[in-house]
Amino acid sequence: MAKLARLEEDERRKTRREQLKAEGKSTGLLEWATISAKAESEVVFVRPQSDDNHRLVAQGGLFTRSRTNLSIEEWVMKRQPKDDNGLTLLKCLVPDIDRSRCLQLLNRMNINPLSLFPDLTGASRYCNLHSEIENY
């Protein structure tokens, strides 16, 4: 991205941040990440929409790709704003004792290896979980 275009984009994002602050409106995670980051970000948000990788498309997610050698967690810790109250990145650790129940609930929402990985590997992992977890 050319330097002039980057500066213009940074100014546009600053204006949008100020507008939202003045209106007292909150933003969604994607918009917040977009208007908070510099124009040439080290982290890129990727939403796969082609059939190049059917596994990624099937997951229907928003993915991140780092242009640095840092993990996303390290990148956030390095650049975390002082006024975010620690809510820039949230990491949830599920105790192993709750693993089966969480997997059951996710399966009820059709979030399972079969729907996330629509191939033979996903089908076999789904069958394994079905035989391993009662009422899966």
N, C-alpha and C. Protein backbone atom coordinates (compact mmCIF):
# COMPACT_ATOMS: atom_id res chain seq x y z
N MET A 1 0.85 -1.17 0.00
CA MET A 1 0.00 0.00 0.00
C MET A 1 0.90 1.23 0.00
N ALA A 2 0.62 2.15 -0.89
CA ALA A 2 1.44 3.36 -0.99
C ALA A 2 1.29 4.19 0.27
N LYS A 3 2.35 4.95 0.56
CA LYS A 3 2.37 5.73 1.81
C LYS A 3 1.20 6.70 1.87
N LEU A 4 0.88 7.40 0.77
CA LEU A 4 -0.23 8.35 0.77
C LEU A 4 -1.56 7.65 1.03
N ALA A 5 -1.76 6.51 0.38
CA ALA A 5 -2.99 5.75 0.59
C ALA A 5 -3.11 5.27 2.03
N ARG A 6 -1.98 4.86 2.63
CA ARG A 6 -1.98 4.42 4.03
C ARG A 6 -2.38 5.56 4.95
N LEU A 7 -1.81 6.75 4.70
CA LEU A 7 -2.14 7.91 5.53
C LEU A 7 -3.61 8.28 5.40
N GLU A 8 -4.14 8.23 4.17
CA GLU A 8 -5.56 8.52 3.97
C GLU A 8 -6.44 7.51 4.68
N GLU A 9 -6.07 6.24 4.60
CA GLU A 9 -6.84 5.19 5.27
C GLU A 9 -6.76 5.35 6.79
N ASP A 10 -5.59 5.67 7.32
CA ASP A 10 -5.46 5.91 8.76
C ASP A 10 -6.35 7.08 9.20
N GLU A 11 -6.41 8.12 8.39
CA GLU A 11 -7.26 9.28 8.71
C GLU A 11 -8.74 8.89 8.68
N ARG A 12 -9.13 8.09 7.69
CA ARG A 12 -10.52 7.63 7.60
C ARG A 12 -10.90 6.80 8.82
N ARG A 13 -10.00 5.94 9.26
CA ARG A 13 -10.27 5.11 10.43
C ARG A 13 -10.35 5.95 11.70
N LYS A 14 -9.49 6.95 11.80
CA LYS A 14 -9.52 7.85 12.96
C LYS A 14 -10.85 8.60 13.01
N THR A 15 -11.31 9.09 11.86
CA THR A 15 -12.59 9.79 11.79
C THR A 15 -13.72 8.87 12.21
N ARG A 16 -13.71 7.62 11.75
CA ARG A 16 -14.76 6.67 12.12
C ARG A 16 -14.74 6.38 13.62
N ARG A 17 -13.54 6.23 14.21
CA ARG A 17 -13.44 6.01 15.67
C ARG A 17 -14.04 7.18 16.43
N GLU A 18 -13.70 8.39 16.01
CA GLU A 18 -14.21 9.59 16.68
C GLU A 18 -15.72 9.70 16.53
N GLN A 19 -16.24 9.35 15.35
CA GLN A 19 -17.68 9.40 15.11
C GLN A 19 -18.41 8.42 16.03
N LEU A 20 -17.91 7.19 16.13
CA LEU A 20 -18.54 6.20 16.99
C LEU A 20 -18.47 6.61 18.46
N LYS A 21 -17.34 7.19 18.86
CA LYS A 21 -17.19 7.64 20.25
C LYS A 21 -18.17 8.76 20.56
N ALA A 22 -18.31 9.72 19.63
CA ALA A 22 -19.23 10.85 19.83
C ALA A 22 -20.68 10.38 19.91
N GLU A 23 -21.02 9.36 19.12
CA GLU A 23 -22.39 8.85 19.10
C GLU A 23 -22.64 7.86 20.24
N GLY A 24 -21.58 7.46 20.92
CA GLY A 24 -21.72 6.51 22.02
C GLY A 24 -22.08 5.11 21.55
N LYS A 25 -21.76 4.79 20.32
CA LYS A 25 -22.10 3.49 19.76
C LYS A 25 -20.95 2.51 19.95
N SER A 26 -21.30 1.25 20.09
CA SER A 26 -20.29 0.20 20.15
C SER A 26 -20.17 -0.42 18.76
N THR A 27 -19.09 -1.13 18.56
CA THR A 27 -18.86 -1.77 17.27
C THR A 27 -18.78 -3.27 17.44
N GLY A 28 -18.95 -3.96 16.34
CA GLY A 28 -18.72 -5.40 16.33
C GLY A 28 -17.21 -5.64 16.34
N LEU A 29 -16.83 -6.86 16.61
CA LEU A 29 -15.41 -7.20 16.71
C LEU A 29 -14.66 -6.91 15.42
N LEU A 30 -15.24 -7.28 14.28
CA LEU A 30 -14.55 -7.07 13.01
C LEU A 30 -14.36 -5.59 12.73
N GLU A 31 -15.41 -4.79 12.92
CA GLU A 31 -15.27 -3.36 12.67
C GLU A 31 -14.29 -2.73 13.65
N TRP A 32 -14.37 -3.14 14.92
CA TRP A 32 -13.44 -2.59 15.91
C TRP A 32 -12.01 -2.88 15.50
N ALA A 33 -11.75 -4.15 15.09
CA ALA A 33 -10.39 -4.53 14.70
C ALA A 33 -9.95 -3.74 13.48
N THR A 34 -10.86 -3.50 12.56
CA THR A 34 -10.52 -2.78 11.33
C THR A 34 -10.21 -1.32 11.60
N ILE A 35 -11.04 -0.63 12.39
CA ILE A 35 -10.81 0.80 12.61
C ILE A 35 -9.74 1.06 13.66
N SER A 36 -9.39 0.06 14.44
CA SER A 36 -8.37 0.25 15.47
C SER A 36 -6.97 0.04 14.96
N ALA A 37 -6.84 -0.79 13.94
CA ALA A 37 -5.51 -1.13 13.43
C ALA A 37 -5.02 -0.08 12.44
N LYS A 38 -3.72 -0.01 12.29
CA LYS A 38 -3.13 0.84 11.26
C LYS A 38 -3.46 0.24 9.90
N ALA A 39 -3.39 1.06 8.87
CA ALA A 39 -3.79 0.62 7.53
C ALA A 39 -3.00 -0.57 7.03
N GLU A 40 -1.72 -0.60 7.29
CA GLU A 40 -0.92 -1.74 6.86
C GLU A 40 -0.66 -2.60 8.09
N SER A 41 -1.60 -3.41 8.40
CA SER A 41 -1.55 -4.19 9.62
C SER A 41 -0.65 -5.40 9.49
N GLU A 42 -0.09 -5.79 10.61
CA GLU A 42 0.72 -7.01 10.65
C GLU A 42 -0.16 -8.24 10.75
N VAL A 43 -1.43 -8.05 11.10
CA VAL A 43 -2.39 -9.14 11.18
C VAL A 43 -3.49 -8.87 10.16
N VAL A 44 -3.78 -9.88 9.37
CA VAL A 44 -4.78 -9.75 8.32
C VAL A 44 -5.96 -10.65 8.65
N PHE A 45 -7.18 -10.14 8.49
CA PHE A 45 -8.37 -10.95 8.67
C PHE A 45 -8.72 -11.59 7.34
N VAL A 46 -8.98 -12.88 7.37
CA VAL A 46 -9.26 -13.63 6.15
C VAL A 46 -10.61 -14.31 6.30
N ARG A 47 -11.48 -14.10 5.31
CA ARG A 47 -12.76 -14.78 5.27
C ARG A 47 -12.81 -15.55 3.95
N PRO A 48 -12.48 -16.84 3.99
CA PRO A 48 -12.43 -17.60 2.74
C PRO A 48 -13.81 -17.73 2.10
N GLN A 49 -13.88 -17.44 0.80
CA GLN A 49 -15.17 -17.49 0.11
C GLN A 49 -15.09 -18.29 -1.18
N SER A 50 -13.96 -18.88 -1.44
CA SER A 50 -13.84 -19.64 -2.68
C SER A 50 -13.78 -21.13 -2.36
N ASP A 51 -13.85 -21.92 -3.39
CA ASP A 51 -13.80 -23.36 -3.20
C ASP A 51 -12.38 -23.89 -3.22
N ASP A 52 -11.39 -22.99 -3.11
CA ASP A 52 -10.01 -23.44 -3.11
C ASP A 52 -9.72 -24.38 -1.94
N ASN A 53 -10.30 -24.09 -0.79
CA ASN A 53 -10.10 -24.92 0.39
C ASN A 53 -11.47 -25.15 1.02
N HIS A 54 -12.11 -26.24 0.65
CA HIS A 54 -13.47 -26.50 1.12
C HIS A 54 -13.56 -26.67 2.63
N ARG A 55 -12.46 -27.06 3.27
CA ARG A 55 -12.49 -27.20 4.73
C ARG A 55 -12.62 -25.83 5.39
N LEU A 56 -11.90 -24.83 4.90
CA LEU A 56 -12.00 -23.49 5.47
C LEU A 56 -13.37 -22.88 5.19
N VAL A 57 -13.88 -23.05 3.99
CA VAL A 57 -15.19 -22.51 3.63
C VAL A 57 -16.27 -23.13 4.52
N ALA A 58 -16.19 -24.44 4.76
CA ALA A 58 -17.19 -25.14 5.57
C ALA A 58 -17.22 -24.63 7.00
N GLN A 59 -16.10 -24.15 7.51
CA GLN A 59 -16.05 -23.66 8.89
C GLN A 59 -16.77 -22.33 9.04
N GLY A 60 -16.94 -21.60 7.94
CA GLY A 60 -17.69 -20.34 7.99
C GLY A 60 -17.13 -19.36 8.99
N GLY A 61 -15.83 -19.33 9.15
CA GLY A 61 -15.23 -18.49 10.18
C GLY A 61 -14.52 -17.28 9.63
N LEU A 62 -14.07 -16.47 10.53
CA LEU A 62 -13.20 -15.34 10.24
C LEU A 62 -11.85 -15.72 10.82
N PHE A 63 -10.84 -15.79 9.96
CA PHE A 63 -9.53 -16.25 10.38
C PHE A 63 -8.54 -15.10 10.37
N THR A 64 -7.46 -15.26 11.10
CA THR A 64 -6.41 -14.25 11.10
C THR A 64 -5.13 -14.87 10.58
N ARG A 65 -4.35 -14.03 9.95
CA ARG A 65 -3.04 -14.46 9.46
C ARG A 65 -2.04 -13.38 9.87
N SER A 66 -0.97 -13.80 10.49
CA SER A 66 0.04 -12.87 10.95
C SER A 66 1.13 -12.73 9.89
N ARG A 67 1.54 -11.50 9.65
CA ARG A 67 2.64 -11.25 8.72
C ARG A 67 3.98 -11.19 9.43
N THR A 68 3.97 -11.51 10.71
CA THR A 68 5.20 -11.49 11.51
C THR A 68 5.46 -12.89 12.04
N ASN A 69 6.51 -13.03 12.79
CA ASN A 69 6.82 -14.31 13.42
C ASN A 69 6.12 -14.46 14.76
N LEU A 70 5.30 -13.50 15.14
CA LEU A 70 4.60 -13.55 16.42
C LEU A 70 3.28 -14.31 16.28
N SER A 71 2.89 -15.00 17.34
CA SER A 71 1.55 -15.58 17.37
C SER A 71 0.56 -14.43 17.58
N ILE A 72 -0.70 -14.68 17.33
CA ILE A 72 -1.72 -13.64 17.51
C ILE A 72 -1.74 -13.17 18.96
N GLU A 73 -1.61 -14.11 19.89
CA GLU A 73 -1.60 -13.76 21.31
C GLU A 73 -0.42 -12.85 21.64
N GLU A 74 0.77 -13.16 21.13
CA GLU A 74 1.95 -12.32 21.37
C GLU A 74 1.78 -10.95 20.72
N TRP A 75 1.22 -10.94 19.52
CA TRP A 75 1.00 -9.68 18.80
C TRP A 75 0.07 -8.75 19.58
N VAL A 76 -1.02 -9.32 20.12
CA VAL A 76 -1.97 -8.52 20.90
C VAL A 76 -1.32 -8.00 22.17
N MET A 77 -0.58 -8.86 22.87
CA MET A 77 0.08 -8.43 24.11
C MET A 77 1.06 -7.29 23.85
N LYS A 78 1.74 -7.34 22.72
CA LYS A 78 2.72 -6.31 22.38
C LYS A 78 2.06 -4.97 22.05
N ARG A 79 0.87 -5.01 21.45
CA ARG A 79 0.22 -3.79 20.98
C ARG A 79 -1.08 -3.45 21.70
N GLN A 80 -1.33 -4.06 22.80
CA GLN A 80 -2.58 -3.87 23.53
C GLN A 80 -2.72 -2.43 24.00
N PRO A 81 -3.85 -1.79 23.65
CA PRO A 81 -4.05 -0.42 24.13
C PRO A 81 -4.19 -0.39 25.65
N LYS A 82 -3.80 0.71 26.24
CA LYS A 82 -3.84 0.83 27.71
C LYS A 82 -5.27 0.94 28.24
N ASP A 83 -6.21 1.43 27.41
CA ASP A 83 -7.56 1.69 27.89
C ASP A 83 -8.58 0.62 27.49
N ASP A 84 -8.13 -0.59 27.17
CA ASP A 84 -9.07 -1.62 26.70
C ASP A 84 -9.60 -2.51 27.82
N ASN A 85 -9.18 -2.27 29.05
CA ASN A 85 -9.60 -3.05 30.21
C ASN A 85 -9.32 -4.55 30.05
N GLY A 86 -8.29 -4.88 29.28
CA GLY A 86 -7.91 -6.27 29.10
C GLY A 86 -8.82 -7.06 28.18
N LEU A 87 -9.65 -6.39 27.40
CA LEU A 87 -10.63 -7.08 26.56
C LEU A 87 -10.25 -7.13 25.08
N THR A 88 -9.00 -6.93 24.77
CA THR A 88 -8.57 -7.00 23.38
C THR A 88 -8.66 -8.42 22.86
N LEU A 89 -8.21 -9.36 23.64
CA LEU A 89 -8.23 -10.77 23.26
C LEU A 89 -8.64 -11.57 24.46
N LEU A 90 -9.61 -12.43 24.28
CA LEU A 90 -10.12 -13.24 25.37
C LEU A 90 -9.82 -14.70 25.06
N LYS A 91 -9.21 -15.38 25.98
CA LYS A 91 -8.85 -16.79 25.81
C LYS A 91 -9.61 -17.59 26.86
N CYS A 92 -10.36 -18.58 26.38
CA CYS A 92 -11.15 -19.42 27.29
C CYS A 92 -10.52 -20.81 27.34
N LEU A 93 -10.20 -21.24 28.52
CA LEU A 93 -9.65 -22.57 28.72
C LEU A 93 -10.73 -23.43 29.37
N VAL A 94 -11.05 -24.54 28.73
CA VAL A 94 -12.07 -25.44 29.24
C VAL A 94 -11.37 -26.58 29.98
N PRO A 95 -11.71 -26.78 31.24
CA PRO A 95 -11.09 -27.88 31.99
C PRO A 95 -11.42 -29.22 31.33
N ASP A 96 -10.50 -30.15 31.40
CA ASP A 96 -10.69 -31.46 30.77
C ASP A 96 -11.94 -32.17 31.29
N ILE A 97 -12.28 -31.91 32.53
CA ILE A 97 -13.46 -32.57 33.11
C ILE A 97 -14.75 -32.16 32.39
N ASP A 98 -14.76 -30.97 31.76
CA ASP A 98 -15.94 -30.47 31.03
C ASP A 98 -15.88 -30.74 29.53
N ARG A 99 -14.84 -31.41 29.08
CA ARG A 99 -14.64 -31.64 27.64
C ARG A 99 -15.84 -32.33 27.00
N SER A 100 -16.29 -33.44 27.56
CA SER A 100 -17.39 -34.21 26.96
C SER A 100 -18.66 -33.39 26.85
N ARG A 101 -19.00 -32.68 27.91
CA ARG A 101 -20.23 -31.88 27.91
C ARG A 101 -20.14 -30.75 26.87
N CYS A 102 -18.99 -30.10 26.78
CA CYS A 102 -18.82 -29.04 25.78
C CYS A 102 -18.95 -29.59 24.37
N LEU A 103 -18.34 -30.74 24.12
CA LEU A 103 -18.44 -31.36 22.80
C LEU A 103 -19.87 -31.77 22.48
N GLN A 104 -20.61 -32.24 23.48
CA GLN A 104 -22.03 -32.57 23.28
C GLN A 104 -22.82 -31.32 22.87
N LEU A 105 -22.62 -30.24 23.60
CA LEU A 105 -23.35 -29.01 23.31
C LEU A 105 -22.99 -28.45 21.94
N LEU A 106 -21.71 -28.49 21.59
CA LEU A 106 -21.30 -28.02 20.27
C LEU A 106 -21.92 -28.89 19.17
N ASN A 107 -21.97 -30.20 19.40
CA ASN A 107 -22.57 -31.10 18.42
C ASN A 107 -24.06 -30.79 18.23
N ARG A 108 -24.74 -30.42 19.30
CA ARG A 108 -26.16 -30.07 19.19
C ARG A 108 -26.37 -28.81 18.33
N MET A 109 -25.32 -27.99 18.25
CA MET A 109 -25.36 -26.78 17.41
C MET A 109 -24.74 -27.04 16.03
N ASN A 110 -24.53 -28.32 15.72
CA ASN A 110 -23.94 -28.75 14.45
C ASN A 110 -22.52 -28.21 14.27
N ILE A 111 -21.82 -28.08 15.37
CA ILE A 111 -20.39 -27.74 15.32
C ILE A 111 -19.64 -28.98 15.75
N ASN A 112 -19.20 -29.73 14.78
CA ASN A 112 -18.53 -30.99 15.03
C ASN A 112 -17.56 -31.27 13.89
N PRO A 113 -16.72 -32.29 14.03
CA PRO A 113 -15.74 -32.57 12.97
C PRO A 113 -16.38 -32.83 11.60
N LEU A 114 -17.58 -33.39 11.59
CA LEU A 114 -18.25 -33.69 10.32
C LEU A 114 -18.64 -32.42 9.57
N SER A 115 -19.12 -31.40 10.30
CA SER A 115 -19.52 -30.16 9.64
C SER A 115 -18.32 -29.24 9.38
N LEU A 116 -17.31 -29.30 10.23
CA LEU A 116 -16.14 -28.43 10.06
C LEU A 116 -15.16 -28.95 9.02
N PHE A 117 -15.09 -30.27 8.90
CA PHE A 117 -14.15 -30.89 7.96
C PHE A 117 -14.91 -31.88 7.10
N PRO A 118 -15.58 -31.41 6.04
CA PRO A 118 -16.45 -32.28 5.24
C PRO A 118 -15.67 -33.21 4.31
N ASP A 119 -14.96 -34.13 4.91
CA ASP A 119 -14.20 -35.11 4.15
C ASP A 119 -14.10 -36.38 5.00
N LEU A 120 -13.32 -37.32 4.54
CA LEU A 120 -13.20 -38.60 5.24
C LEU A 120 -12.62 -38.44 6.64
N THR A 121 -11.68 -37.52 6.80
CA THR A 121 -11.08 -37.29 8.12
C THR A 121 -12.13 -36.77 9.10
N GLY A 122 -12.92 -35.80 8.68
CA GLY A 122 -13.97 -35.27 9.55
C GLY A 122 -15.00 -36.32 9.91
N ALA A 123 -15.37 -37.14 8.94
CA ALA A 123 -16.35 -38.20 9.19
C ALA A 123 -15.81 -39.22 10.20
N SER A 124 -14.55 -39.58 10.06
CA SER A 124 -13.98 -40.57 10.99
C SER A 124 -13.83 -39.98 12.39
N ARG A 125 -13.43 -38.71 12.48
CA ARG A 125 -13.33 -38.07 13.82
C ARG A 125 -14.70 -37.97 14.47
N TYR A 126 -15.72 -37.65 13.67
CA TYR A 126 -17.09 -37.56 14.19
C TYR A 126 -17.53 -38.93 14.73
N CYS A 127 -17.27 -40.00 13.97
CA CYS A 127 -17.64 -41.35 14.42
C CYS A 127 -16.90 -41.73 15.71
N ASN A 128 -15.63 -41.37 15.78
CA ASN A 128 -14.87 -41.67 16.99
C ASN A 128 -15.46 -40.96 18.21
N LEU A 129 -15.82 -39.68 18.06
CA LEU A 129 -16.42 -38.95 19.18
C LEU A 129 -17.78 -39.53 19.52
N HIS A 130 -18.52 -39.95 18.52
CA HIS A 130 -19.84 -40.51 18.75
C HIS A 130 -19.75 -41.81 19.57
N SER A 131 -18.72 -42.60 19.33
CA SER A 131 -18.56 -43.83 20.09
C SER A 131 -17.89 -43.58 21.44
N GLU A 132 -17.16 -42.49 21.58
CA GLU A 132 -16.43 -42.18 22.82
C GLU A 132 -17.31 -41.46 23.85
N ILE A 133 -18.19 -40.56 23.39
CA ILE A 133 -18.99 -39.73 24.29
C ILE A 133 -20.43 -40.18 24.30
N GLU A 134 -20.94 -40.47 25.47
CA GLU A 134 -22.33 -40.91 25.61
C GLU A 134 -23.28 -39.77 25.25
N ASN A 135 -24.33 -40.09 24.51
CA ASN A 135 -25.35 -39.12 24.05
C ASN A 135 -24.75 -38.02 23.19
N TYR A 136 -23.74 -38.33 22.42
CA TYR A 136 -23.13 -37.33 21.53
C TYR A 136 -24.09 -37.08 20.39
